[in-house]
Each structure stands twice: as C-alpha cells, then as structure tokens.
Amino acid sequence: MVKCLSDNTGENTIVVTDVGQNQITAARYFSAYNTRKIVTSGGLGTMGFGLPAGVGAALGSPESKVFVISGDGGIQMTIQELGTIMEYKIPVKVIILNNNYLGMVRQWQELFYEERYSSTSIQNPDFIALAAAYGIKGRKVEQRQDLVEAVREMIAADSAYVLEVMVEKKGIVYPMVPAGKCITEIMLKS
C-alpha cells in the first residue's frame, strides 16, 4: 500500500503517520523527495497522532498533498477530527490500514509474551460510512488488484478522502527495537 502511494505521488507530498505497524511500514516504504516530508511522533507511542497532525500539516502547507497513514486502532483515538476536516474543507487524504487488531501490541505479545494475547482484537465501525456521514468521500479496498486504481482515485480527489485498506491480520513488521534494548540490537526478522 505505502509503496503504491509513493510510486503515485511526487515532490509535493507530505505523509503523516500514526503510531504502530503503519508507522514502521510508512517509514520503510515511502520514498520522500525532500526533508520534512514525513511527519511522525517517533517513538513516543502516541496513538491518534496522525489525523490531527495531518490537519496541521495541510493547514501549514496548503500547496502540498497531505496523506495520513493510520491503523484501525489509532484512527479511532481522534476520528472526531473528520468533523474539523469537513467544517473547514481540509483536503487531507486518510489511509486506514485495517487488520482488526491493535497490530503493534499484538506483534509484541506474539514476539515477547509467548502469544498471550490480551485486548488486541478489535471490532471496527464502517469507516467509509462514517466518512460519508461527515460528507467525506471514501473507498474500501479488500483485494490487492484494486489497490492502484483506488490510490489513484484518492490522489485525484480535490477534497478530503478516506481509503480503508484491509491488510494481513497477523502480519509482523520490521525493523523494530525491543523494549530495553539499544539500536544496535534492532530486530530485522523473527
């Protein structure tokens, strides 16, 4: 998904990430052309950062196309900002990578806690219907072959847009630094 976005955008693009697997994926696969084109909260773990930060990036850089990449858990922390986007007609593009999990938490439980899962599987609203309730166009992608067309449709939209992309439920993303370890102990695979 992120590589597809990168391949179809240019220099005038800002990508804002939320926190979790979506953040790692964006940092790994989005090719930024200039500095200050990827906005993230870093390792602070602030779920919900992406959407309001994307609004700020769009207002602060109106000549740029701004894309928020969030997970289905993180987006729900600040999803009310769709109301701000609607009211002020902010042309932010929101990409929700949906695996029906708090993906990074589930990943840690798998890798470091012997697969003792607790409170990571989540039930989600219909994100596209929710966007429509705010007057925002959207589309859900469930098949890989529909991705390029959907991304291009989102990019071409003159207004805000929500693109929900269903992703692998139990994917593991790398690289990652385990808790209490230093950067030289980065994990590149299981």
N, C-alpha and C. Protein backbone atom coordinates (compact mmCIF):
# COMPACT_ATOMS: atom_id res chain seq x y z
N MET A 1 0.82 -1.19 0.00
CA MET A 1 0.00 0.00 0.00
C MET A 1 0.87 1.25 0.00
N VAL A 2 1.81 1.33 0.91
CA VAL A 2 2.64 2.53 1.04
C VAL A 2 3.52 2.71 -0.18
N LYS A 3 4.09 1.64 -0.70
CA LYS A 3 4.90 1.74 -1.91
C LYS A 3 4.05 2.21 -3.08
N CYS A 4 2.82 1.73 -3.17
CA CYS A 4 1.90 2.17 -4.21
C CYS A 4 1.65 3.68 -4.10
N LEU A 5 1.44 4.17 -2.89
CA LEU A 5 1.28 5.61 -2.67
C LEU A 5 2.53 6.35 -3.10
N SER A 6 3.68 5.87 -2.68
CA SER A 6 4.95 6.50 -3.02
C SER A 6 5.16 6.55 -4.52
N ASP A 7 4.84 5.47 -5.21
CA ASP A 7 5.02 5.39 -6.66
C ASP A 7 4.08 6.32 -7.43
N ASN A 8 2.98 6.75 -6.80
CA ASN A 8 1.98 7.56 -7.49
C ASN A 8 1.92 9.00 -7.02
N THR A 9 2.85 9.42 -6.17
CA THR A 9 2.90 10.81 -5.71
C THR A 9 4.25 11.41 -6.06
N GLY A 10 4.36 12.72 -5.90
CA GLY A 10 5.60 13.39 -6.26
C GLY A 10 6.18 14.20 -5.13
N GLU A 11 6.97 15.21 -5.51
CA GLU A 11 7.69 16.02 -4.53
C GLU A 11 6.79 16.79 -3.58
N ASN A 12 5.62 17.14 -4.04
CA ASN A 12 4.74 18.00 -3.26
C ASN A 12 3.83 17.18 -2.33
N THR A 13 4.39 16.18 -1.70
CA THR A 13 3.63 15.25 -0.87
C THR A 13 4.17 15.25 0.55
N ILE A 14 3.26 15.26 1.51
CA ILE A 14 3.61 15.09 2.91
C ILE A 14 2.86 13.86 3.41
N VAL A 15 3.58 12.97 4.08
CA VAL A 15 2.98 11.79 4.68
C VAL A 15 3.07 11.94 6.20
N VAL A 16 1.94 11.79 6.86
CA VAL A 16 1.88 11.85 8.31
C VAL A 16 1.46 10.48 8.81
N THR A 17 2.21 9.94 9.76
CA THR A 17 1.86 8.61 10.27
C THR A 17 1.27 8.69 11.66
N ASP A 18 0.54 7.66 11.96
CA ASP A 18 0.10 7.45 13.33
C ASP A 18 1.19 6.63 14.00
N VAL A 19 0.86 5.79 14.94
CA VAL A 19 1.84 5.00 15.67
C VAL A 19 1.53 3.52 15.50
N GLY A 20 2.56 2.73 15.33
CA GLY A 20 2.37 1.29 15.25
C GLY A 20 2.92 0.72 13.96
N GLN A 21 2.33 -0.38 13.54
CA GLN A 21 2.80 -1.05 12.33
C GLN A 21 2.71 -0.14 11.12
N ASN A 22 1.69 0.70 11.05
CA ASN A 22 1.55 1.63 9.92
C ASN A 22 2.72 2.60 9.86
N GLN A 23 3.21 3.02 11.01
CA GLN A 23 4.34 3.96 11.09
C GLN A 23 5.62 3.31 10.56
N ILE A 24 5.87 2.08 10.98
CA ILE A 24 7.06 1.37 10.52
C ILE A 24 6.98 1.12 9.02
N THR A 25 5.81 0.71 8.55
CA THR A 25 5.62 0.44 7.12
C THR A 25 5.81 1.71 6.30
N ALA A 26 5.27 2.82 6.76
CA ALA A 26 5.42 4.09 6.03
C ALA A 26 6.88 4.52 5.99
N ALA A 27 7.56 4.42 7.11
CA ALA A 27 8.97 4.82 7.15
C ALA A 27 9.83 3.94 6.25
N ARG A 28 9.45 2.71 6.14
CA ARG A 28 10.24 1.77 5.34
C ARG A 28 9.97 1.87 3.84
N TYR A 29 8.73 2.13 3.45
CA TYR A 29 8.37 2.02 2.03
C TYR A 29 8.03 3.33 1.33
N PHE A 30 7.88 4.43 2.06
CA PHE A 30 7.58 5.70 1.37
C PHE A 30 8.89 6.41 1.05
N SER A 31 9.08 6.76 -0.20
CA SER A 31 10.29 7.47 -0.63
C SER A 31 10.03 8.97 -0.63
N ALA A 32 10.59 9.66 0.35
CA ALA A 32 10.42 11.12 0.43
C ALA A 32 11.44 11.79 -0.47
N TYR A 33 10.99 12.83 -1.18
CA TYR A 33 11.86 13.55 -2.10
C TYR A 33 12.66 14.65 -1.42
N ASN A 34 12.15 15.18 -0.33
CA ASN A 34 12.80 16.29 0.37
C ASN A 34 12.69 16.07 1.87
N THR A 35 13.39 16.90 2.61
CA THR A 35 13.27 16.84 4.07
C THR A 35 11.91 17.35 4.51
N ARG A 36 11.54 17.03 5.70
CA ARG A 36 10.27 17.44 6.30
C ARG A 36 9.05 17.00 5.50
N LYS A 37 9.12 15.84 4.91
CA LYS A 37 8.00 15.32 4.12
C LYS A 37 7.35 14.12 4.78
N ILE A 38 7.97 13.59 5.84
CA ILE A 38 7.35 12.53 6.63
C ILE A 38 7.26 13.05 8.06
N VAL A 39 6.04 13.10 8.57
CA VAL A 39 5.79 13.61 9.92
C VAL A 39 5.33 12.44 10.78
N THR A 40 6.00 12.23 11.90
CA THR A 40 5.66 11.13 12.80
C THR A 40 5.96 11.55 14.23
N SER A 41 5.33 10.89 15.16
CA SER A 41 5.62 11.20 16.57
C SER A 41 6.84 10.42 17.05
N GLY A 42 7.51 9.75 16.15
CA GLY A 42 8.70 8.99 16.53
C GLY A 42 8.36 7.83 17.43
N GLY A 43 9.13 7.63 18.45
CA GLY A 43 8.91 6.51 19.36
C GLY A 43 8.07 6.87 20.58
N LEU A 44 7.33 7.94 20.52
CA LEU A 44 6.58 8.38 21.69
C LEU A 44 5.31 7.56 21.94
N GLY A 45 4.88 6.79 20.96
CA GLY A 45 3.75 5.90 21.15
C GLY A 45 2.41 6.60 21.28
N THR A 46 2.25 7.72 20.62
CA THR A 46 1.01 8.49 20.75
C THR A 46 -0.02 8.06 19.71
N MET A 47 -0.77 7.01 20.03
CA MET A 47 -1.84 6.58 19.13
C MET A 47 -2.82 7.74 18.95
N GLY A 48 -3.22 7.98 17.71
CA GLY A 48 -4.12 9.07 17.42
C GLY A 48 -3.42 10.31 16.93
N PHE A 49 -2.10 10.33 16.92
CA PHE A 49 -1.32 11.48 16.48
C PHE A 49 -1.58 11.83 15.02
N GLY A 50 -1.73 10.84 14.17
CA GLY A 50 -1.74 11.04 12.73
C GLY A 50 -2.79 11.99 12.19
N LEU A 51 -4.05 11.80 12.56
CA LEU A 51 -5.11 12.61 11.96
C LEU A 51 -5.01 14.09 12.32
N PRO A 52 -4.90 14.46 13.60
CA PRO A 52 -4.76 15.89 13.89
C PRO A 52 -3.45 16.48 13.36
N ALA A 53 -2.38 15.69 13.34
CA ALA A 53 -1.12 16.19 12.78
C ALA A 53 -1.25 16.38 11.27
N GLY A 54 -2.02 15.52 10.61
CA GLY A 54 -2.28 15.68 9.18
C GLY A 54 -3.07 16.94 8.89
N VAL A 55 -4.04 17.25 9.75
CA VAL A 55 -4.79 18.51 9.61
C VAL A 55 -3.83 19.68 9.73
N GLY A 56 -2.96 19.64 10.72
CA GLY A 56 -1.98 20.71 10.89
C GLY A 56 -1.04 20.84 9.70
N ALA A 57 -0.59 19.71 9.17
CA ALA A 57 0.31 19.74 8.01
C ALA A 57 -0.40 20.33 6.79
N ALA A 58 -1.66 19.99 6.61
CA ALA A 58 -2.41 20.52 5.46
C ALA A 58 -2.64 22.02 5.59
N LEU A 59 -2.93 22.48 6.80
CA LEU A 59 -3.13 23.92 7.00
C LEU A 59 -1.81 24.68 6.91
N GLY A 60 -0.73 24.07 7.38
CA GLY A 60 0.57 24.72 7.36
C GLY A 60 1.28 24.66 6.02
N SER A 61 0.85 23.76 5.16
CA SER A 61 1.48 23.60 3.84
C SER A 61 0.40 23.37 2.79
N PRO A 62 -0.44 24.40 2.54
CA PRO A 62 -1.59 24.21 1.65
C PRO A 62 -1.22 23.86 0.21
N GLU A 63 0.03 24.07 -0.18
CA GLU A 63 0.44 23.73 -1.54
C GLU A 63 0.78 22.24 -1.68
N SER A 64 0.80 21.52 -0.57
CA SER A 64 1.16 20.09 -0.58
C SER A 64 -0.07 19.21 -0.50
N LYS A 65 0.06 17.99 -1.05
CA LYS A 65 -0.96 16.96 -0.83
C LYS A 65 -0.54 16.23 0.43
N VAL A 66 -1.46 16.13 1.39
CA VAL A 66 -1.16 15.52 2.68
C VAL A 66 -1.91 14.20 2.81
N PHE A 67 -1.16 13.16 3.16
CA PHE A 67 -1.71 11.83 3.35
C PHE A 67 -1.43 11.38 4.78
N VAL A 68 -2.47 10.96 5.47
CA VAL A 68 -2.33 10.39 6.81
C VAL A 68 -2.39 8.88 6.67
N ILE A 69 -1.40 8.19 7.22
CA ILE A 69 -1.42 6.73 7.24
C ILE A 69 -1.60 6.30 8.69
N SER A 70 -2.70 5.61 8.94
CA SER A 70 -3.04 5.22 10.31
C SER A 70 -3.51 3.78 10.33
N GLY A 71 -3.47 3.19 11.50
CA GLY A 71 -4.07 1.88 11.69
C GLY A 71 -5.51 2.04 12.12
N ASP A 72 -6.23 0.94 12.14
CA ASP A 72 -7.64 0.98 12.52
C ASP A 72 -7.83 1.27 14.01
N GLY A 73 -6.84 0.99 14.83
CA GLY A 73 -6.93 1.33 16.25
C GLY A 73 -6.61 2.78 16.50
N GLY A 74 -5.49 3.25 15.96
CA GLY A 74 -5.05 4.62 16.18
C GLY A 74 -6.01 5.66 15.63
N ILE A 75 -6.61 5.39 14.48
CA ILE A 75 -7.51 6.37 13.87
C ILE A 75 -8.70 6.65 14.78
N GLN A 76 -9.11 5.64 15.56
CA GLN A 76 -10.28 5.82 16.40
C GLN A 76 -10.00 6.67 17.64
N MET A 77 -8.74 6.93 17.92
CA MET A 77 -8.39 7.79 19.05
C MET A 77 -8.76 9.25 18.79
N THR A 78 -8.73 9.66 17.52
CA THR A 78 -9.01 11.06 17.18
C THR A 78 -9.89 11.17 15.93
N ILE A 79 -10.72 10.18 15.69
CA ILE A 79 -11.53 10.17 14.47
C ILE A 79 -12.51 11.34 14.40
N GLN A 80 -12.78 11.95 15.55
CA GLN A 80 -13.68 13.12 15.56
C GLN A 80 -13.12 14.28 14.74
N GLU A 81 -11.82 14.24 14.43
CA GLU A 81 -11.23 15.31 13.61
C GLU A 81 -11.76 15.29 12.18
N LEU A 82 -12.46 14.22 11.79
CA LEU A 82 -13.14 14.24 10.49
C LEU A 82 -14.15 15.40 10.46
N GLY A 83 -14.68 15.74 11.62
CA GLY A 83 -15.58 16.90 11.71
C GLY A 83 -14.87 18.20 11.40
N THR A 84 -13.65 18.35 11.88
CA THR A 84 -12.83 19.53 11.58
C THR A 84 -12.52 19.59 10.09
N ILE A 85 -12.15 18.44 9.54
CA ILE A 85 -11.84 18.35 8.11
C ILE A 85 -13.05 18.76 7.29
N MET A 86 -14.24 18.28 7.69
CA MET A 86 -15.47 18.62 6.98
C MET A 86 -15.77 20.11 7.10
N GLU A 87 -15.74 20.63 8.32
CA GLU A 87 -16.12 22.02 8.55
C GLU A 87 -15.23 23.01 7.80
N TYR A 88 -13.94 22.75 7.78
CA TYR A 88 -13.00 23.68 7.16
C TYR A 88 -12.55 23.25 5.77
N LYS A 89 -13.17 22.18 5.26
CA LYS A 89 -12.88 21.70 3.89
C LYS A 89 -11.37 21.49 3.67
N ILE A 90 -10.76 20.77 4.58
CA ILE A 90 -9.33 20.49 4.52
C ILE A 90 -9.12 19.24 3.67
N PRO A 91 -8.36 19.34 2.60
CA PRO A 91 -8.25 18.22 1.65
C PRO A 91 -7.25 17.12 2.06
N VAL A 92 -7.35 16.66 3.29
CA VAL A 92 -6.47 15.60 3.79
C VAL A 92 -6.95 14.25 3.26
N LYS A 93 -6.01 13.43 2.86
CA LYS A 93 -6.31 12.06 2.43
C LYS A 93 -5.93 11.14 3.59
N VAL A 94 -6.87 10.33 4.03
CA VAL A 94 -6.67 9.46 5.19
C VAL A 94 -6.67 8.01 4.73
N ILE A 95 -5.58 7.32 5.00
CA ILE A 95 -5.46 5.91 4.65
C ILE A 95 -5.49 5.11 5.95
N ILE A 96 -6.46 4.22 6.06
CA ILE A 96 -6.59 3.38 7.25
C ILE A 96 -6.17 1.96 6.88
N LEU A 97 -5.08 1.51 7.47
CA LEU A 97 -4.64 0.13 7.27
C LEU A 97 -5.35 -0.71 8.34
N ASN A 98 -6.31 -1.50 7.90
CA ASN A 98 -7.22 -2.20 8.81
C ASN A 98 -6.89 -3.69 8.88
N ASN A 99 -6.46 -4.13 10.06
CA ASN A 99 -6.25 -5.56 10.28
C ASN A 99 -7.11 -6.08 11.44
N ASN A 100 -8.03 -5.25 11.92
CA ASN A 100 -8.91 -5.60 13.04
C ASN A 100 -8.13 -5.98 14.30
N TYR A 101 -6.98 -5.35 14.47
CA TYR A 101 -6.15 -5.57 15.65
C TYR A 101 -5.48 -4.26 16.05
N LEU A 102 -5.08 -4.18 17.29
CA LEU A 102 -4.07 -3.21 17.69
C LEU A 102 -2.77 -3.91 17.31
N GLY A 103 -2.36 -3.73 16.07
CA GLY A 103 -1.34 -4.56 15.43
C GLY A 103 0.00 -4.59 16.13
N MET A 104 0.50 -3.45 16.54
CA MET A 104 1.82 -3.42 17.17
C MET A 104 1.77 -4.09 18.54
N VAL A 105 0.69 -3.88 19.27
CA VAL A 105 0.54 -4.52 20.58
C VAL A 105 0.47 -6.03 20.39
N ARG A 106 -0.32 -6.48 19.41
CA ARG A 106 -0.41 -7.91 19.12
C ARG A 106 0.95 -8.47 18.72
N GLN A 107 1.70 -7.71 17.92
CA GLN A 107 3.03 -8.15 17.49
C GLN A 107 3.95 -8.35 18.70
N TRP A 108 3.94 -7.42 19.63
CA TRP A 108 4.77 -7.55 20.84
C TRP A 108 4.34 -8.77 21.65
N GLN A 109 3.02 -8.99 21.77
CA GLN A 109 2.54 -10.14 22.53
C GLN A 109 2.98 -11.44 21.87
N GLU A 110 3.01 -11.45 20.55
CA GLU A 110 3.45 -12.65 19.83
C GLU A 110 4.95 -12.89 20.02
N LEU A 111 5.74 -11.84 19.85
CA LEU A 111 7.20 -12.00 19.86
C LEU A 111 7.81 -12.12 21.25
N PHE A 112 7.23 -11.44 22.23
CA PHE A 112 7.89 -11.36 23.54
C PHE A 112 7.08 -11.92 24.71
N TYR A 113 5.82 -12.25 24.48
CA TYR A 113 4.96 -12.72 25.58
C TYR A 113 4.29 -14.05 25.26
N GLU A 114 5.00 -14.89 24.51
CA GLU A 114 4.58 -16.26 24.22
C GLU A 114 3.16 -16.34 23.68
N GLU A 115 2.80 -15.39 22.84
CA GLU A 115 1.49 -15.35 22.18
C GLU A 115 0.32 -15.30 23.18
N ARG A 116 0.56 -14.70 24.32
CA ARG A 116 -0.52 -14.49 25.28
C ARG A 116 -1.21 -13.18 24.90
N TYR A 117 -2.24 -13.30 24.08
CA TYR A 117 -2.92 -12.12 23.54
C TYR A 117 -3.96 -11.60 24.53
N SER A 118 -3.96 -10.32 24.69
CA SER A 118 -4.93 -9.69 25.58
C SER A 118 -5.36 -8.35 25.00
N SER A 119 -6.64 -8.22 24.75
CA SER A 119 -7.24 -6.93 24.35
C SER A 119 -6.63 -6.34 23.08
N THR A 120 -6.30 -7.18 22.11
CA THR A 120 -5.72 -6.65 20.87
C THR A 120 -6.64 -6.79 19.67
N SER A 121 -7.55 -7.75 19.69
CA SER A 121 -8.51 -7.90 18.60
C SER A 121 -9.60 -6.84 18.79
N ILE A 122 -9.90 -6.09 17.74
CA ILE A 122 -10.88 -5.01 17.89
C ILE A 122 -11.99 -5.11 16.84
N GLN A 123 -13.17 -4.65 17.23
CA GLN A 123 -14.30 -4.51 16.32
C GLN A 123 -14.28 -3.08 15.81
N ASN A 124 -14.42 -2.91 14.52
CA ASN A 124 -14.35 -1.57 13.94
C ASN A 124 -15.70 -1.11 13.39
N PRO A 125 -15.89 0.19 13.34
CA PRO A 125 -17.07 0.72 12.65
C PRO A 125 -16.86 0.61 11.15
N ASP A 126 -17.88 0.91 10.40
CA ASP A 126 -17.77 1.01 8.94
C ASP A 126 -17.13 2.37 8.67
N PHE A 127 -15.81 2.37 8.45
CA PHE A 127 -15.08 3.63 8.30
C PHE A 127 -15.56 4.45 7.10
N ILE A 128 -15.95 3.80 6.03
CA ILE A 128 -16.38 4.53 4.83
C ILE A 128 -17.75 5.17 5.08
N ALA A 129 -18.64 4.47 5.76
CA ALA A 129 -19.94 5.06 6.12
C ALA A 129 -19.75 6.21 7.10
N LEU A 130 -18.81 6.07 8.01
CA LEU A 130 -18.51 7.14 8.95
C LEU A 130 -17.98 8.37 8.22
N ALA A 131 -17.07 8.15 7.28
CA ALA A 131 -16.56 9.27 6.47
C ALA A 131 -17.71 9.93 5.71
N ALA A 132 -18.58 9.12 5.13
CA ALA A 132 -19.73 9.66 4.38
C ALA A 132 -20.63 10.50 5.28
N ALA A 133 -20.78 10.10 6.54
CA ALA A 133 -21.59 10.88 7.48
C ALA A 133 -21.01 12.28 7.68
N TYR A 134 -19.71 12.41 7.48
CA TYR A 134 -19.05 13.71 7.55
C TYR A 134 -18.96 14.39 6.19
N GLY A 135 -19.56 13.80 5.17
CA GLY A 135 -19.51 14.37 3.83
C GLY A 135 -18.18 14.16 3.13
N ILE A 136 -17.44 13.15 3.56
CA ILE A 136 -16.12 12.86 3.00
C ILE A 136 -16.20 11.61 2.14
N LYS A 137 -15.67 11.69 0.93
CA LYS A 137 -15.66 10.54 0.03
C LYS A 137 -14.73 9.47 0.57
N GLY A 138 -15.00 8.23 0.18
CA GLY A 138 -14.13 7.15 0.62
C GLY A 138 -14.34 5.88 -0.17
N ARG A 139 -13.45 4.95 0.09
CA ARG A 139 -13.49 3.66 -0.60
C ARG A 139 -12.76 2.63 0.27
N LYS A 140 -13.25 1.40 0.20
CA LYS A 140 -12.63 0.29 0.92
C LYS A 140 -12.00 -0.65 -0.10
N VAL A 141 -10.77 -1.06 0.16
CA VAL A 141 -10.06 -1.99 -0.73
C VAL A 141 -9.83 -3.30 0.03
N GLU A 142 -10.33 -4.38 -0.56
CA GLU A 142 -10.16 -5.69 0.06
C GLU A 142 -9.30 -6.62 -0.78
N GLN A 143 -9.10 -6.28 -2.05
CA GLN A 143 -8.31 -7.11 -2.97
C GLN A 143 -7.12 -6.33 -3.48
N ARG A 144 -5.96 -6.95 -3.48
CA ARG A 144 -4.72 -6.31 -3.93
C ARG A 144 -4.85 -5.71 -5.33
N GLN A 145 -5.54 -6.39 -6.23
CA GLN A 145 -5.64 -5.91 -7.61
C GLN A 145 -6.43 -4.60 -7.73
N ASP A 146 -7.16 -4.21 -6.71
CA ASP A 146 -7.93 -2.95 -6.73
C ASP A 146 -7.15 -1.78 -6.15
N LEU A 147 -5.98 -2.03 -5.62
CA LEU A 147 -5.24 -1.03 -4.87
C LEU A 147 -4.77 0.16 -5.71
N VAL A 148 -4.14 -0.09 -6.83
CA VAL A 148 -3.59 1.01 -7.65
C VAL A 148 -4.71 1.95 -8.09
N GLU A 149 -5.80 1.41 -8.57
CA GLU A 149 -6.93 2.24 -9.00
C GLU A 149 -7.47 3.07 -7.84
N ALA A 150 -7.60 2.45 -6.67
CA ALA A 150 -8.13 3.16 -5.50
C ALA A 150 -7.19 4.27 -5.05
N VAL A 151 -5.89 4.01 -5.05
CA VAL A 151 -4.92 5.03 -4.66
C VAL A 151 -4.96 6.20 -5.63
N ARG A 152 -5.02 5.91 -6.90
CA ARG A 152 -5.09 6.99 -7.90
C ARG A 152 -6.37 7.79 -7.78
N GLU A 153 -7.48 7.13 -7.48
CA GLU A 153 -8.75 7.82 -7.26
C GLU A 153 -8.63 8.76 -6.06
N MET A 154 -8.02 8.29 -4.99
CA MET A 154 -7.83 9.11 -3.79
C MET A 154 -6.96 10.32 -4.10
N ILE A 155 -5.85 10.10 -4.79
CA ILE A 155 -4.92 11.19 -5.12
C ILE A 155 -5.61 12.24 -5.98
N ALA A 156 -6.44 11.80 -6.91
CA ALA A 156 -7.12 12.71 -7.83
C ALA A 156 -8.22 13.53 -7.17
N ALA A 157 -8.71 13.08 -6.03
CA ALA A 157 -9.80 13.79 -5.35
C ALA A 157 -9.34 15.18 -4.92
N ASP A 158 -10.18 16.18 -5.18
CA ASP A 158 -9.85 17.56 -4.79
C ASP A 158 -10.15 17.84 -3.33
N SER A 159 -10.89 16.96 -2.71
CA SER A 159 -11.30 17.17 -1.33
C SER A 159 -10.75 16.05 -0.45
N ALA A 160 -11.15 16.07 0.80
CA ALA A 160 -10.73 15.01 1.73
C ALA A 160 -11.21 13.66 1.22
N TYR A 161 -10.52 12.62 1.65
CA TYR A 161 -10.83 11.28 1.17
C TYR A 161 -10.37 10.28 2.22
N VAL A 162 -11.15 9.23 2.43
CA VAL A 162 -10.76 8.15 3.33
C VAL A 162 -10.64 6.87 2.51
N LEU A 163 -9.47 6.26 2.57
CA LEU A 163 -9.22 5.00 1.89
C LEU A 163 -8.92 3.95 2.95
N GLU A 164 -9.81 2.99 3.07
CA GLU A 164 -9.61 1.89 4.02
C GLU A 164 -9.03 0.70 3.26
N VAL A 165 -7.91 0.21 3.73
CA VAL A 165 -7.24 -0.91 3.07
C VAL A 165 -7.15 -2.07 4.05
N MET A 166 -7.77 -3.18 3.70
CA MET A 166 -7.70 -4.37 4.54
C MET A 166 -6.31 -4.99 4.36
N VAL A 167 -5.65 -5.27 5.47
CA VAL A 167 -4.30 -5.83 5.43
C VAL A 167 -4.27 -7.13 6.23
N GLU A 168 -3.16 -7.84 6.10
CA GLU A 168 -2.99 -9.12 6.79
C GLU A 168 -3.24 -8.98 8.28
N LYS A 169 -4.08 -9.84 8.81
CA LYS A 169 -4.46 -9.74 10.22
C LYS A 169 -3.28 -9.91 11.18
N LYS A 170 -2.42 -10.85 10.90
CA LYS A 170 -1.37 -11.15 11.88
C LYS A 170 0.02 -10.91 11.31
N GLY A 171 0.17 -9.85 10.55
CA GLY A 171 1.47 -9.52 9.99
C GLY A 171 2.44 -9.02 11.05
N ILE A 172 3.70 -9.24 10.79
CA ILE A 172 4.78 -8.72 11.65
C ILE A 172 5.57 -7.74 10.80
N VAL A 173 5.84 -6.56 11.33
CA VAL A 173 6.61 -5.57 10.58
C VAL A 173 7.96 -5.33 11.24
N TYR A 174 8.94 -5.12 10.43
CA TYR A 174 10.31 -4.85 10.88
C TYR A 174 10.83 -3.66 10.11
N PRO A 175 11.85 -2.99 10.61
CA PRO A 175 12.64 -3.28 11.80
C PRO A 175 11.95 -2.81 13.07
N MET A 176 12.40 -3.34 14.19
CA MET A 176 11.91 -2.88 15.49
C MET A 176 13.00 -3.08 16.54
N VAL A 177 12.97 -2.22 17.53
CA VAL A 177 13.91 -2.31 18.64
C VAL A 177 13.11 -2.78 19.86
N PRO A 178 13.45 -3.94 20.42
CA PRO A 178 12.73 -4.43 21.60
C PRO A 178 12.89 -3.49 22.79
N ALA A 179 11.92 -3.52 23.68
CA ALA A 179 11.97 -2.69 24.89
C ALA A 179 13.23 -2.98 25.69
N GLY A 180 13.85 -1.92 26.17
CA GLY A 180 15.03 -2.05 27.00
C GLY A 180 16.31 -2.35 26.24
N LYS A 181 16.24 -2.40 24.92
CA LYS A 181 17.41 -2.70 24.10
C LYS A 181 17.89 -1.43 23.42
N CYS A 182 19.12 -1.46 22.93
CA CYS A 182 19.64 -0.30 22.21
C CYS A 182 19.53 -0.53 20.70
N ILE A 183 19.78 0.50 19.94
CA ILE A 183 19.60 0.45 18.49
C ILE A 183 20.47 -0.62 17.83
N THR A 184 21.58 -0.95 18.44
CA THR A 184 22.44 -1.99 17.86
C THR A 184 21.82 -3.38 17.98
N GLU A 185 20.74 -3.49 18.75
CA GLU A 185 20.04 -4.77 18.91
C GLU A 185 18.73 -4.79 18.13
N ILE A 186 18.66 -3.98 17.09
CA ILE A 186 17.47 -3.89 16.26
C ILE A 186 17.12 -5.25 15.67
N MET A 187 15.84 -5.55 15.61
CA MET A 187 15.37 -6.80 15.02
C MET A 187 14.99 -6.56 13.56
N LEU A 188 15.52 -7.36 12.68
CA LEU A 188 15.20 -7.27 11.27
C LEU A 188 14.32 -8.43 10.81
N LYS A 189 14.20 -9.45 11.65
CA LYS A 189 13.34 -10.61 11.37
C LYS A 189 13.12 -11.37 12.67
N SER A 190 12.19 -12.34 12.64
CA SER A 190 11.89 -13.16 13.83
C SER A 190 13.03 -14.08 14.16
